[in-house]
Amino acid sequence: MYRIMNRQTTTSSSSSNNSSIFSFVSSFFTRRAIVLFLLLSCCCCRVESSPSPSPSPSSPSSPSSFTVLHKLLESIVPPKTILTWINGIGHNLSHMTAGQEHLSNLFHRPIEFCHNPTYMSSEDDTFGYIGDLTQCTSQKLLGKITEEVNELVQHLREAIVKVGKDGKVIHIAHSQGALITYLACKKLTKEEMRQMEVICFGGAEVIRSSDQYPFHRCINYYSVNDPLLFVVPKAAKALRSGFMGMGYGNTGDKNDCDGWTMMQLQMQNQDLNKDLNKAEPEFVFLTPREGDPVKDHGLFGKTYLDALRWEGRRYQTLYLPKWHPITYMACTRGYEVVNICGEQLELYFKALIQQTIVKFVLFVMSVNQWIKEHIVVPLVVFMILLWEKIKDVCKKMRGEDNDEYQPVVSRVVGACGTSTSIVRM
């Protein structure tokens, strides 16, 4: 089940051009030979690959308001859903924190991420980036179970335990994160997978619901110019089939529906909550918004950001309570009011300090200076003089006053035998 989501008019000539491009790389060995080249070209698949995401008008200025509210509610009532996220290559913790905040704004719920660490020590660390690509290649071609895969298995199981048997875990995976999710699913039980919705963006591997992997919902978003389509044969084949069909394609699987049957299923779908997954495609191909394959591959680029907004609205409709919009608006508006009031109070206290406390301090300082100059200093000088006078009086009373000046007289004999008295002062 596949769908092409075009926000712009796509002509038949462009469809045939795209079909010819993907047929050029259809052979098995050609795809494998360009794996490293294409991954190297995706050097911007981390958050900073695209311009820093700016919150949409419907998003709050900060996620802290609804985050605090939900944490209070979760302390009373266990959550029925948990949103998780795993990243692609080249993400450090600062990238994860920025992405976590932006995803929380889109879904109106806190996001728990499982960090797929990078070997890169800085943005310009080429050797670290090659290390990331080497790990991704070993996972893709050899199916290597790395430590990141085991950590994701543990992360998903803990989330499933938190939501309980009737809850759902909505898992978002981007680029290499989809490949790690694919490998991690092999270690999950069917009961655990039935409680999961997997949403992939530009995934290095396709994840589909089947008897072996009975996910509650799977969907794979790809920009039609995403470089990873060259190394994901299933997605490339679905894209070629979709352009030739009525907005849907199939991979040749006998269980797949053709475009007309899928359209009829969607037209007959009246109850979104009951039959959504029956008529929903597992592939969605998006019209590029940037025109640059590298930028269009970024999770928070313009192309995938539209799909993220749609998924956020879907999540709010299906899983959040009816009163959520009211409480959300109240929290966000209340947060803004608190910020405004806080700014006004800050200005008020600054003015109060300047008008009262500062003047009082200056008054006290001036009083201290006057007391020092007109009272303290003269009093100290007077006390010193008085003490010296008292000491003189005491010496006279004890007869110890021998400090009177006594001139010294010396005689000098001259050359003629005369003597002269000299008084030394």
Foldseek 3Di string as FASTA:
>chain_A
DAFEDEPDDDDLVVLVVLLVVLVVLQDDVSLLVCLLVLLVVLLLQFCVSAPNDDADPQFFPWLPLLAVVVVVVCVPPQAQEAEEEEGAEDDDPVSVVSVQGRLCRLQVYGYHYQYPDWQDPDSPRPVRRVVSSVVLSCCQPVVDQDPSLVSVLVVLVVRDVRNPQNGAYEYEYAASRLSSVVSNQVVDDQSSQCRYEYEYALYLEADDADPRRNHVYAAYEYASLASSCSNYNLLSQQSSQCSVFDRGGDDPDPPDDGPVVLVVVVVPDDDCQPCVRVNDDRYYYYHADPPDNNQSSHCSHPTNVVVSSVVSVVCCVHRNDPCVVVVVVVSSVVVVVVVVVVVVVVVVVVVVCVVPVVVVVVVVVVVVVCCVVPPVVVVVVVVVVVVVVVVVVVCVVVVNPPPDDDWDWDWDQDPVRDIDIDTDD
